[in-house]
Amino acid sequence: MFLQQPIRATASPAIPEGTMSAPTESPGLVHSIKVIAQEFDLFLIDQFGVLHDGSAPFPGATDLLHWLHNQGKPVVLLTNSAKTAEANIARLAKLGVPSNLFDSMLTSGDLARRKIQAGRLAPPFRPGARVLVIGKGDDDYRLGTAGLHAVQPGEACDFVLFAGSSVPALSMDHYREQLASPAKSGIPGLCCNPDLIMLTPSGPQPGCGALANLYRQLGGDILWIGKPEVSFFEEALMLFKPMLPRRTLVIGDSLEHDIIGGRRAGLRTALVRTGVHQKLRYADLVKRMQTTGAIPDFVVRSLI
């Protein structure tokens, strides 16, 4: 069932910073997660692009969660979402993925707010800060829980909070114009949704991480919270101490976020052929793995 208690903060990471899982020349091709499930005790599963496409679950997604639950295998959903776990869980329920099929969810937004509220980040990322929010106008990012105060574009701010992308409704040129002044002024940014690409009804579009990278190109500094940062995976592991990292499997659809992040955290990884890389031919996917250094332990044809 879903764990209601907050994730425990810890001063000592679950695994050494910078540890990389053993190098893999090429991934193993497997038909289903079930084939390799007995090798693992904990599953860290991406949400968007693995379980659903924003409109409906992918084939086998709920079946896999049912099967892992019946096998007594704990599951944590990891998502680069600036919104709360509760908001994401409610969305999953509407899509047909009930919360009793996983044990917990960790969002990058929740972790960022907890770190700010607890004073775990250096100034200016502290309660009381004035923030320019880059996100979707109708999304609630729960700024008050971290003691943050939103300002309007052009007003003085302490940092820029990158929470979401409204591309293509707003163009990259629009964002470039909006972000040029704070970047030039040396105002730092915090990105709590590092996804470079987001899937939309009109196809893949630049995600929040792409806007944060634009800010860097304009001269601004960015603090990243979420995948592929090692600390994000460490927080998930702390839920189930003393699980062994080598007995933990990260399942994701993104080489740049799920696979490279899991490998940096010393975990084993499985790439599903849905989500952001679903249209790549396998040969092109392998070339991308080699280029990025994000070679998973497994490539999975089907979830179950």
C-alpha atoms as a PDB file:
ATOM      1  CA  MET A   1       0.000   0.000   0.000  1.00  0.00           C
ATOM      2  CA  PHE A   2       1.056   3.606  -0.324  1.00  0.00           C
ATOM      3  CA  LEU A   3       3.379   4.795   2.439  1.00  0.00           C
ATOM      4  CA  GLN A   4       1.840   7.865   4.025  1.00  0.00           C
ATOM      5  CA  GLN A   5       4.822   8.874   6.172  1.00  0.00           C
ATOM      6  CA  PRO A   6       7.324  11.338   4.658  1.00  0.00           C
ATOM      7  CA  ILE A   7      10.579  10.050   3.280  1.00  0.00           C
ATOM      8  CA  ARG A   8      13.333  10.268   5.892  1.00  0.00           C
ATOM      9  CA  ALA A   9      16.125  12.740   5.297  1.00  0.00           C
ATOM     10  CA  THR A  10      19.618  11.443   5.921  1.00  0.00           C
ATOM     11  CA  ALA A  11      22.994  13.081   6.253  1.00  0.00           C
ATOM     12  CA  SER A  12      24.839  10.032   4.931  1.00  0.00           C
ATOM     13  CA  PRO A  13      23.934   8.802   1.432  1.00  0.00           C
ATOM     14  CA  ALA A  14      22.792   5.208   0.938  1.00  0.00           C
ATOM     15  CA  ILE A  15      25.625   4.691  -1.546  1.00  0.00           C
ATOM     16  CA  PRO A  16      28.838   6.636  -2.179  1.00  0.00           C
ATOM     17  CA  GLU A  17      28.451   9.745  -4.327  1.00  0.00           C
ATOM     18  CA  GLY A  18      29.639   9.157  -7.870  1.00  0.00           C
ATOM     19  CA  THR A  19      29.526   5.361  -7.733  1.00  0.00           C
ATOM     20  CA  MET A  20      28.827   3.902 -11.181  1.00  0.00           C
ATOM     21  CA  SER A  21      27.351   0.482 -11.755  1.00  0.00           C
ATOM     22  CA  ALA A  22      29.595  -1.994 -13.546  1.00  0.00           C
ATOM     23  CA  PRO A  23      30.184  -1.085 -17.209  1.00  0.00           C
ATOM     24  CA  THR A  24      28.111  -2.925 -19.765  1.00  0.00           C
ATOM     25  CA  GLU A  25      29.243  -3.272 -23.368  1.00  0.00           C
ATOM     26  CA  SER A  26      25.746  -4.057 -24.589  1.00  0.00           C
ATOM     27  CA  PRO A  27      22.391  -4.553 -22.867  1.00  0.00           C
ATOM     28  CA  GLY A  28      20.680  -7.889 -22.494  1.00  0.00           C
ATOM     29  CA  LEU A  29      17.491  -8.157 -24.536  1.00  0.00           C
ATOM     30  CA  VAL A  30      14.621  -9.620 -22.520  1.00  0.00           C
ATOM     31  CA  HIS A  31      11.019 -10.207 -23.444  1.00  0.00           C
ATOM     32  CA  SER A  32       9.513  -9.176 -20.115  1.00  0.00           C
ATOM     33  CA  ILE A  33      10.404  -7.778 -16.693  1.00  0.00           C
ATOM     34  CA  LYS A  34       9.083 -11.050 -15.268  1.00  0.00           C
ATOM     35  CA  VAL A  35      12.070 -12.855 -16.807  1.00  0.00           C
ATOM     36  CA  ILE A  36      14.546 -10.964 -14.610  1.00  0.00           C
ATOM     37  CA  ALA A  37      12.356 -10.010 -11.623  1.00  0.00           C
ATOM     38  CA  GLN A  38      13.702 -12.682  -9.284  1.00  0.00           C
ATOM     39  CA  GLU A  39      17.141 -11.040  -9.439  1.00  0.00           C
ATOM     40  CA  PHE A  40      15.782  -7.961  -7.656  1.00  0.00           C
ATOM     41  CA  ASP A  41      14.209  -7.007  -4.333  1.00  0.00           C
ATOM     42  CA  LEU A  42      13.252  -3.382  -5.062  1.00  0.00           C
ATOM     43  CA  PHE A  43      11.917  -1.740  -8.217  1.00  0.00           C
ATOM     44  CA  LEU A  44      12.257   1.992  -8.937  1.00  0.00           C
ATOM     45  CA  ILE A  45       9.902   2.649 -11.845  1.00  0.00           C
ATOM     46  CA  ASP A  46       9.486   5.807 -13.889  1.00  0.00           C
ATOM     47  CA  GLN A  47       5.922   6.984 -14.342  1.00  0.00           C
ATOM     48  CA  PHE A  48       5.446   8.944 -17.571  1.00  0.00           C
ATOM     49  CA  GLY A  49       6.672   6.980 -20.590  1.00  0.00           C
ATOM     50  CA  VAL A  50       6.792   3.652 -18.730  1.00  0.00           C
ATOM     51  CA  LEU A  51       3.409   3.238 -17.067  1.00  0.00           C
ATOM     52  CA  HIS A  52       1.389   5.642 -19.226  1.00  0.00           C
ATOM     53  CA  ASP A  53       1.576   8.169 -22.052  1.00  0.00           C
ATOM     54  CA  GLY A  54      -0.490  10.880 -20.345  1.00  0.00           C
ATOM     55  CA  SER A  55      -3.764   9.541 -21.708  1.00  0.00           C
ATOM     56  CA  ALA A  56      -3.843   5.831 -20.833  1.00  0.00           C
ATOM     57  CA  PRO A  57      -1.646   3.103 -19.331  1.00  0.00           C
ATOM     58  CA  PHE A  58       0.701   1.288 -21.668  1.00  0.00           C
ATOM     59  CA  PRO A  59      -0.148  -2.377 -22.349  1.00  0.00           C
ATOM     60  CA  GLY A  60       0.997  -4.521 -19.453  1.00  0.00           C
ATOM     61  CA  ALA A  61       1.664  -1.624 -17.056  1.00  0.00           C
ATOM     62  CA  THR A  62      -1.009  -2.415 -14.480  1.00  0.00           C
ATOM     63  CA  ASP A  63      -0.469  -6.155 -14.997  1.00  0.00           C
ATOM     64  CA  LEU A  64       3.207  -5.739 -14.089  1.00  0.00           C
ATOM     65  CA  LEU A  65       2.377  -3.755 -10.959  1.00  0.00           C
ATOM     66  CA  HIS A  66      -0.193  -6.386  -9.948  1.00  0.00           C
ATOM     67  CA  TRP A  67       2.338  -9.157 -10.508  1.00  0.00           C
ATOM     68  CA  LEU A  68       5.135  -7.444  -8.548  1.00  0.00           C
ATOM     69  CA  HIS A  69       2.690  -6.724  -5.718  1.00  0.00           C
ATOM     70  CA  ASN A  70       1.656 -10.376  -5.583  1.00  0.00           C
ATOM     71  CA  GLN A  71       5.337 -11.388  -5.576  1.00  0.00           C
ATOM     72  CA  GLY A  72       5.941  -9.176  -2.540  1.00  0.00           C
ATOM     73  CA  LYS A  73       8.313  -6.939  -4.495  1.00  0.00           C
ATOM     74  CA  PRO A  74       8.231  -3.312  -3.271  1.00  0.00           C
ATOM     75  CA  VAL A  75       7.797  -0.624  -5.926  1.00  0.00           C
ATOM     76  CA  VAL A  76       8.632   3.073  -5.729  1.00  0.00           C
ATOM     77  CA  LEU A  77       7.481   5.287  -8.584  1.00  0.00           C
ATOM     78  CA  LEU A  78      10.075   7.950  -9.413  1.00  0.00           C
ATOM     79  CA  THR A  79       8.985  10.955 -11.419  1.00  0.00           C
ATOM     80  CA  ASN A  80      10.497  14.235 -12.548  1.00  0.00           C
ATOM     81  CA  SER A  81       7.341  16.124 -11.659  1.00  0.00           C
ATOM     82  CA  ALA A  82       7.292  19.445  -9.829  1.00  0.00           C
ATOM     83  CA  LYS A  83       3.849  18.592  -8.450  1.00  0.00           C
ATOM     84  CA  THR A  84       3.190  16.572  -5.309  1.00  0.00           C
ATOM     85  CA  ALA A  85       3.020  12.807  -5.029  1.00  0.00           C
ATOM     86  CA  GLU A  86      -0.643  13.165  -4.059  1.00  0.00           C
ATOM     87  CA  ALA A  87      -1.427  15.055  -7.275  1.00  0.00           C
ATOM     88  CA  ASN A  88       0.401  12.471  -9.370  1.00  0.00           C
ATOM     89  CA  ILE A  89      -1.256   9.570  -7.559  1.00  0.00           C
ATOM     90  CA  ALA A  90      -4.680  11.102  -8.201  1.00  0.00           C
ATOM     91  CA  ARG A  91      -3.815  11.432 -11.878  1.00  0.00           C
ATOM     92  CA  LEU A  92      -2.691   7.818 -12.054  1.00  0.00           C
ATOM     93  CA  ALA A  93      -5.937   6.688 -10.443  1.00  0.00           C
ATOM     94  CA  LYS A  94      -7.931   8.534 -13.116  1.00  0.00           C
ATOM     95  CA  LEU A  95      -5.861   6.738 -15.776  1.00  0.00           C
ATOM     96  CA  GLY A  96      -6.641   3.375 -14.191  1.00  0.00           C
ATOM     97  CA  VAL A  97      -3.513   2.815 -12.074  1.00  0.00           C
ATOM     98  CA  PRO A  98      -4.658   2.587  -8.421  1.00  0.00           C
ATOM     99  CA  SER A  99      -2.304   3.467  -5.553  1.00  0.00           C
ATOM    100  CA  ASN A 100      -2.534   0.018  -3.951  1.00  0.00           C
ATOM    101  CA  LEU A 101      -0.349  -1.334  -6.784  1.00  0.00           C
ATOM    102  CA  PHE A 102       2.783   0.477  -5.579  1.00  0.00           C
ATOM    103  CA  ASP A 103       4.364   1.223  -2.230  1.00  0.00           C
ATOM    104  CA  SER A 104       5.354   4.865  -2.583  1.00  0.00           C
ATOM    105  CA  MET A 105       6.024   7.689  -5.000  1.00  0.00           C
ATOM    106  CA  LEU A 106       8.850  10.213  -4.958  1.00  0.00           C
ATOM    107  CA  THR A 107       8.536  13.362  -7.046  1.00  0.00           C
ATOM    108  CA  SER A 108      11.372  15.764  -7.739  1.00  0.00           C
ATOM    109  CA  GLY A 109       9.091  18.614  -6.686  1.00  0.00           C
ATOM    110  CA  ASP A 110       8.385  17.078  -3.275  1.00  0.00           C
ATOM    111  CA  LEU A 111      12.088  16.492  -2.681  1.00  0.00           C
ATOM    112  CA  ALA A 112      12.925  20.085  -3.660  1.00  0.00           C
ATOM    113  CA  ARG A 113      10.269  21.507  -1.335  1.00  0.00           C
ATOM    114  CA  ARG A 114      11.421  19.298   1.559  1.00  0.00           C
ATOM    115  CA  LYS A 115      15.041  20.321   1.073  1.00  0.00           C
ATOM    116  CA  ILE A 116      14.128  24.015   0.944  1.00  0.00           C
ATOM    117  CA  GLN A 117      11.803  23.841   3.953  1.00  0.00           C
ATOM    118  CA  ALA A 118      14.386  21.940   6.023  1.00  0.00           C
ATOM    119  CA  GLY A 119      17.224  24.329   5.137  1.00  0.00           C
ATOM    120  CA  ARG A 120      19.191  21.592   3.351  1.00  0.00           C
ATOM    121  CA  LEU A 121      20.070  23.886   0.441  1.00  0.00           C
ATOM    122  CA  ALA A 122      22.370  26.899   0.403  1.00  0.00           C
ATOM    123  CA  PRO A 123      20.984  30.444   0.066  1.00  0.00           C
ATOM    124  CA  PRO A 124      19.045  31.727  -1.772  1.00  0.00           C
ATOM    125  CA  PHE A 125      17.153  28.411  -1.866  1.00  0.00           C
ATOM    126  CA  ARG A 126      15.603  28.938   1.551  1.00  0.00           C
ATOM    127  CA  PRO A 127      12.121  29.613   3.019  1.00  0.00           C
ATOM    128  CA  GLY A 128      11.045  33.208   2.496  1.00  0.00           C
ATOM    129  CA  ALA A 129      12.620  33.455  -0.947  1.00  0.00           C
ATOM    130  CA  ARG A 130      10.860  35.292  -3.758  1.00  0.00           C
ATOM    131  CA  VAL A 131      10.668  33.078  -6.847  1.00  0.00           C
ATOM    132  CA  LEU A 132       9.862  33.555 -10.499  1.00  0.00           C
ATOM    133  CA  VAL A 133       8.019  30.356 -11.428  1.00  0.00           C
ATOM    134  CA  ILE A 134       8.500  28.894 -14.891  1.00  0.00           C
ATOM    135  CA  GLY A 135       5.691  26.370 -15.210  1.00  0.00           C
ATOM    136  CA  LYS A 136       2.167  25.732 -16.341  1.00  0.00           C
ATOM    137  CA  GLY A 137      -0.286  28.370 -15.204  1.00  0.00           C
ATOM    138  CA  ASP A 138      -2.940  25.945 -13.969  1.00  0.00           C
ATOM    139  CA  ASP A 139      -0.557  23.681 -12.003  1.00  0.00           C
ATOM    140  CA  ASP A 140      -0.214  23.969  -8.228  1.00  0.00           C
ATOM    141  CA  TYR A 141       3.422  23.676  -7.171  1.00  0.00           C
ATOM    142  CA  ARG A 142       2.660  24.083  -3.453  1.00  0.00           C
ATOM    143  CA  LEU A 143       5.122  26.929  -2.953  1.00  0.00           C
ATOM    144  CA  GLY A 144       3.696  27.688   0.486  1.00  0.00           C
ATOM    145  CA  THR A 145       4.820  24.344   1.910  1.00  0.00           C
ATOM    146  CA  ALA A 146       8.427  25.465   1.342  1.00  0.00           C
ATOM    147  CA  GLY A 147       7.772  29.062   2.461  1.00  0.00           C
ATOM    148  CA  LEU A 148       8.291  30.436  -1.043  1.00  0.00           C
ATOM    149  CA  HIS A 149       6.570  33.497  -2.509  1.00  0.00           C
ATOM    150  CA  ALA A 150       5.814  33.773  -6.230  1.00  0.00           C
ATOM    151  CA  VAL A 151       6.509  37.019  -8.094  1.00  0.00           C
ATOM    152  CA  GLN A 152       5.482  38.236 -11.519  1.00  0.00           C
ATOM    153  CA  PRO A 153       7.882  38.493 -14.484  1.00  0.00           C
ATOM    154  CA  GLY A 154       9.889  41.704 -14.182  1.00  0.00           C
ATOM    155  CA  GLU A 155       9.627  41.833 -10.374  1.00  0.00           C
ATOM    156  CA  ALA A 156      12.623  41.312  -8.100  1.00  0.00           C
ATOM    157  CA  CYS A 157      13.254  37.678  -7.212  1.00  0.00           C
ATOM    158  CA  ASP A 158      15.794  35.584  -5.325  1.00  0.00           C
ATOM    159  CA  PHE A 159      15.777  32.644  -7.710  1.00  0.00           C
ATOM    160  CA  VAL A 160      13.992  31.239 -10.747  1.00  0.00           C
ATOM    161  CA  LEU A 161      12.050  28.010 -10.125  1.00  0.00           C
ATOM    162  CA  PHE A 162      11.837  25.780 -13.202  1.00  0.00           C
ATOM    163  CA  ALA A 163       8.773  23.590 -12.616  1.00  0.00           C
ATOM    164  CA  GLY A 164       7.179  22.952 -16.014  1.00  0.00           C
ATOM    165  CA  SER A 165       7.071  23.758 -19.699  1.00  0.00           C
ATOM    166  CA  SER A 166       4.213  25.275 -21.692  1.00  0.00           C
ATOM    167  CA  VAL A 167       5.773  24.590 -25.096  1.00  0.00           C
ATOM    168  CA  PRO A 168       4.281  24.714 -27.738  1.00  0.00           C
ATOM    169  CA  ALA A 169       1.634  27.102 -26.359  1.00  0.00           C
ATOM    170  CA  LEU A 170       4.586  29.355 -25.504  1.00  0.00           C
ATOM    171  CA  SER A 171       7.553  29.397 -27.863  1.00  0.00           C
ATOM    172  CA  MET A 172      11.204  28.962 -26.950  1.00  0.00           C
ATOM    173  CA  ASP A 173      11.715  32.542 -28.143  1.00  0.00           C
ATOM    174  CA  HIS A 174       9.152  33.639 -25.556  1.00  0.00           C
ATOM    175  CA  TYR A 175      11.079  31.870 -22.809  1.00  0.00           C
ATOM    176  CA  ARG A 176      14.389  33.254 -24.087  1.00  0.00           C
ATOM    177  CA  GLU A 177      13.028  36.806 -23.821  1.00  0.00           C
ATOM    178  CA  GLN A 178      11.532  36.167 -20.361  1.00  0.00           C
ATOM    179  CA  LEU A 179      14.679  34.580 -18.950  1.00  0.00           C
ATOM    180  CA  ALA A 180      17.325  36.842 -20.448  1.00  0.00           C
ATOM    181  CA  SER A 181      17.135  39.548 -17.767  1.00  0.00           C
ATOM    182  CA  PRO A 182      17.332  37.356 -14.617  1.00  0.00           C
ATOM    183  CA  ALA A 183      20.108  35.265 -16.199  1.00  0.00           C
ATOM    184  CA  LYS A 184      22.101  38.381 -17.045  1.00  0.00           C
ATOM    185  CA  SER A 185      21.546  39.659 -13.489  1.00  0.00           C
ATOM    186  CA  GLY A 186      23.132  36.544 -12.015  1.00  0.00           C
ATOM    187  CA  ILE A 187      19.957  35.217 -10.393  1.00  0.00           C
ATOM    188  CA  PRO A 188      20.329  31.453  -9.888  1.00  0.00           C
ATOM    189  CA  GLY A 189      17.757  28.887 -10.964  1.00  0.00           C
ATOM    190  CA  LEU A 190      16.469  25.680  -9.391  1.00  0.00           C
ATOM    191  CA  CYS A 191      15.074  23.036 -11.732  1.00  0.00           C
ATOM    192  CA  CYS A 192      12.826  20.478 -10.035  1.00  0.00           C
ATOM    193  CA  ASN A 193      11.663  18.884 -13.293  1.00  0.00           C
ATOM    194  CA  PRO A 194      14.819  18.046 -15.284  1.00  0.00           C
ATOM    195  CA  ASP A 195      13.086  16.199 -18.159  1.00  0.00           C
ATOM    196  CA  LEU A 196      14.499  17.472 -21.437  1.00  0.00           C
ATOM    197  CA  ILE A 197      11.610  16.129 -23.516  1.00  0.00           C
ATOM    198  CA  MET A 198       7.926  15.851 -22.699  1.00  0.00           C
ATOM    199  CA  LEU A 199       5.351  13.812 -24.576  1.00  0.00           C
ATOM    200  CA  THR A 200       2.324  15.820 -25.712  1.00  0.00           C
ATOM    201  CA  PRO A 201      -0.663  15.174 -28.013  1.00  0.00           C
ATOM    202  CA  SER A 202       1.265  17.095 -30.684  1.00  0.00           C
ATOM    203  CA  GLY A 203       4.351  14.927 -30.233  1.00  0.00           C
ATOM    204  CA  PRO A 204       7.600  15.359 -28.262  1.00  0.00           C
ATOM    205  CA  GLN A 205       8.257  18.926 -27.119  1.00  0.00           C
ATOM    206  CA  PRO A 206      11.005  20.669 -25.106  1.00  0.00           C
ATOM    207  CA  GLY A 207      10.463  19.891 -21.436  1.00  0.00           C
ATOM    208  CA  CYS A 208      11.269  21.863 -18.319  1.00  0.00           C
ATOM    209  CA  GLY A 209      14.864  20.658 -18.358  1.00  0.00           C
ATOM    210  CA  ALA A 210      15.286  22.173 -21.824  1.00  0.00           C
ATOM    211  CA  LEU A 211      14.140  25.547 -20.426  1.00  0.00           C
ATOM    212  CA  ALA A 212      16.656  25.236 -17.594  1.00  0.00           C
ATOM    213  CA  ASN A 213      19.367  24.482 -20.151  1.00  0.00           C
ATOM    214  CA  LEU A 214      18.276  27.577 -22.080  1.00  0.00           C
ATOM    215  CA  TYR A 215      18.786  29.567 -18.869  1.00  0.00           C
ATOM    216  CA  ARG A 216      22.325  28.174 -18.614  1.00  0.00           C
ATOM    217  CA  GLN A 217      22.984  29.191 -22.210  1.00  0.00           C
ATOM    218  CA  LEU A 218      21.876  32.708 -21.288  1.00  0.00           C
ATOM    219  CA  GLY A 219      24.432  32.780 -18.461  1.00  0.00           C
ATOM    220  CA  GLY A 220      22.379  31.583 -15.478  1.00  0.00           C
ATOM    221  CA  ASP A 221      23.405  28.903 -12.971  1.00  0.00           C
ATOM    222  CA  ILE A 222      21.092  25.945 -12.291  1.00  0.00           C
ATOM    223  CA  LEU A 223      20.689  23.650  -9.290  1.00  0.00           C
ATOM    224  CA  TRP A 224      19.106  20.363 -10.429  1.00  0.00           C
ATOM    225  CA  ILE A 225      16.824  18.199  -8.277  1.00  0.00           C
ATOM    226  CA  GLY A 226      15.461  14.987  -9.799  1.00  0.00           C
ATOM    227  CA  LYS A 227      16.676  12.343 -12.218  1.00  0.00           C
ATOM    228  CA  PRO A 228      19.512  11.833 -13.172  1.00  0.00           C
ATOM    229  CA  GLU A 229      20.889  13.286  -9.909  1.00  0.00           C
ATOM    230  CA  VAL A 230      22.258  10.562  -7.622  1.00  0.00           C
ATOM    231  CA  SER A 231      20.648  12.096  -4.523  1.00  0.00           C
ATOM    232  CA  PHE A 232      17.184  11.502  -5.990  1.00  0.00           C
ATOM    233  CA  PHE A 233      17.798   7.754  -6.228  1.00  0.00           C
ATOM    234  CA  GLU A 234      19.363   7.733  -2.758  1.00  0.00           C
ATOM    235  CA  GLU A 235      16.179   9.188  -1.275  1.00  0.00           C
ATOM    236  CA  ALA A 236      14.166   6.350  -2.814  1.00  0.00           C
ATOM    237  CA  LEU A 237      16.591   3.723  -1.508  1.00  0.00           C
ATOM    238  CA  MET A 238      16.321   5.113   2.021  1.00  0.00           C
ATOM    239  CA  LEU A 239      12.659   4.068   2.069  1.00  0.00           C
ATOM    240  CA  PHE A 240      13.653   0.425   2.091  1.00  0.00           C
ATOM    241  CA  LYS A 241      16.970   0.204   3.941  1.00  0.00           C
ATOM    242  CA  PRO A 242      18.880  -2.106   3.968  1.00  0.00           C
ATOM    243  CA  MET A 243      18.045  -3.044   0.371  1.00  0.00           C
ATOM    244  CA  LEU A 244      21.217  -3.771  -1.594  1.00  0.00           C
ATOM    245  CA  PRO A 245      21.829  -1.424  -4.546  1.00  0.00           C
ATOM    246  CA  ARG A 246      22.721  -4.399  -6.752  1.00  0.00           C
ATOM    247  CA  ARG A 247      19.354  -5.948  -5.923  1.00  0.00           C
ATOM    248  CA  THR A 248      17.529  -2.783  -7.056  1.00  0.00           C
ATOM    249  CA  LEU A 249      16.283  -2.313 -10.622  1.00  0.00           C
ATOM    250  CA  VAL A 250      15.549   1.066 -12.202  1.00  0.00           C
ATOM    251  CA  ILE A 251      12.979   0.809 -15.009  1.00  0.00           C
ATOM    252  CA  GLY A 252      12.729   3.823 -17.292  1.00  0.00           C
ATOM    253  CA  ASP A 253      12.205   5.073 -20.822  1.00  0.00           C
ATOM    254  CA  SER A 254      14.912   7.767 -20.884  1.00  0.00           C
ATOM    255  CA  LEU A 255      18.610   7.081 -21.365  1.00  0.00           C
ATOM    256  CA  GLU A 256      19.566  10.574 -20.166  1.00  0.00           C
ATOM    257  CA  HIS A 257      17.486  10.506 -16.974  1.00  0.00           C
ATOM    258  CA  ASP A 258      16.546   6.991 -15.835  1.00  0.00           C
ATOM    259  CA  ILE A 259      19.462   4.944 -17.170  1.00  0.00           C
ATOM    260  CA  ILE A 260      22.418   7.246 -16.636  1.00  0.00           C
ATOM    261  CA  GLY A 261      21.001   8.304 -13.249  1.00  0.00           C
ATOM    262  CA  GLY A 262      20.486   4.733 -12.106  1.00  0.00           C
ATOM    263  CA  ARG A 263      23.966   3.731 -13.242  1.00  0.00           C
ATOM    264  CA  ARG A 264      25.561   6.695 -11.472  1.00  0.00           C
ATOM    265  CA  ALA A 265      23.764   5.594  -8.308  1.00  0.00           C
ATOM    266  CA  GLY A 266      25.287   2.127  -8.603  1.00  0.00           C
ATOM    267  CA  LEU A 267      21.970   0.492  -9.531  1.00  0.00           C
ATOM    268  CA  ARG A 268      21.037  -1.877 -12.341  1.00  0.00           C
ATOM    269  CA  THR A 269      18.792  -0.525 -15.070  1.00  0.00           C
ATOM    270  CA  ALA A 270      16.239  -1.605 -17.660  1.00  0.00           C
ATOM    271  CA  LEU A 271      15.132   0.491 -20.626  1.00  0.00           C
ATOM    272  CA  VAL A 272      11.619   0.051 -22.020  1.00  0.00           C
ATOM    273  CA  ARG A 273      10.933   0.803 -25.694  1.00  0.00           C
ATOM    274  CA  THR A 274       8.121   3.250 -24.945  1.00  0.00           C
ATOM    275  CA  GLY A 275       8.169   6.944 -24.102  1.00  0.00           C
ATOM    276  CA  VAL A 276      10.830   9.295 -25.431  1.00  0.00           C
ATOM    277  CA  HIS A 277      12.780   6.716 -27.477  1.00  0.00           C
ATOM    278  CA  GLN A 278       9.866   4.695 -28.828  1.00  0.00           C
ATOM    279  CA  LYS A 279      10.340   5.803 -32.445  1.00  0.00           C
ATOM    280  CA  LEU A 280      14.072   5.090 -32.587  1.00  0.00           C
ATOM    281  CA  ARG A 281      15.208   2.050 -34.527  1.00  0.00           C
ATOM    282  CA  TYR A 282      17.163  -0.314 -32.320  1.00  0.00           C
ATOM    283  CA  ALA A 283      20.415   0.398 -34.180  1.00  0.00           C
ATOM    284  CA  ASP A 284      19.933   4.136 -33.618  1.00  0.00           C
ATOM    285  CA  LEU A 285      19.065   3.492 -29.973  1.00  0.00           C
ATOM    286  CA  VAL A 286      22.328   1.594 -29.493  1.00  0.00           C
ATOM    287  CA  LYS A 287      24.269   4.469 -31.075  1.00  0.00           C
ATOM    288  CA  ARG A 288      22.591   6.866 -28.640  1.00  0.00           C
ATOM    289  CA  MET A 289      23.515   4.587 -25.734  1.00  0.00           C
ATOM    290  CA  GLN A 290      27.143   4.610 -26.826  1.00  0.00           C
ATOM    291  CA  THR A 291      27.164   8.367 -27.357  1.00  0.00           C
ATOM    292  CA  THR A 292      25.682   9.162 -23.949  1.00  0.00           C
ATOM    293  CA  GLY A 293      27.380   6.345 -22.041  1.00  0.00           C
ATOM    294  CA  ALA A 294      23.932   5.353 -20.783  1.00  0.00           C
ATOM    295  CA  ILE A 295      24.007   1.641 -21.535  1.00  0.00           C
ATOM    296  CA  PRO A 296      21.341  -0.210 -19.532  1.00  0.00           C
ATOM    297  CA  ASP A 297      21.716  -3.728 -18.207  1.00  0.00           C
ATOM    298  CA  PHE A 298      18.553  -4.730 -20.060  1.00  0.00           C
ATOM    299  CA  VAL A 299      16.351  -3.562 -22.901  1.00  0.00           C
ATOM    300  CA  VAL A 300      12.798  -4.805 -22.393  1.00  0.00           C
ATOM    301  CA  ARG A 301      10.410  -5.533 -25.252  1.00  0.00           C
ATOM    302  CA  SER A 302       7.338  -5.747 -23.007  1.00  0.00           C
ATOM    303  CA  LEU A 303       6.579  -4.917 -19.393  1.00  0.00           C
ATOM    304  CA  ILE A 304       4.997  -8.307 -18.788  1.00  0.00           C
END
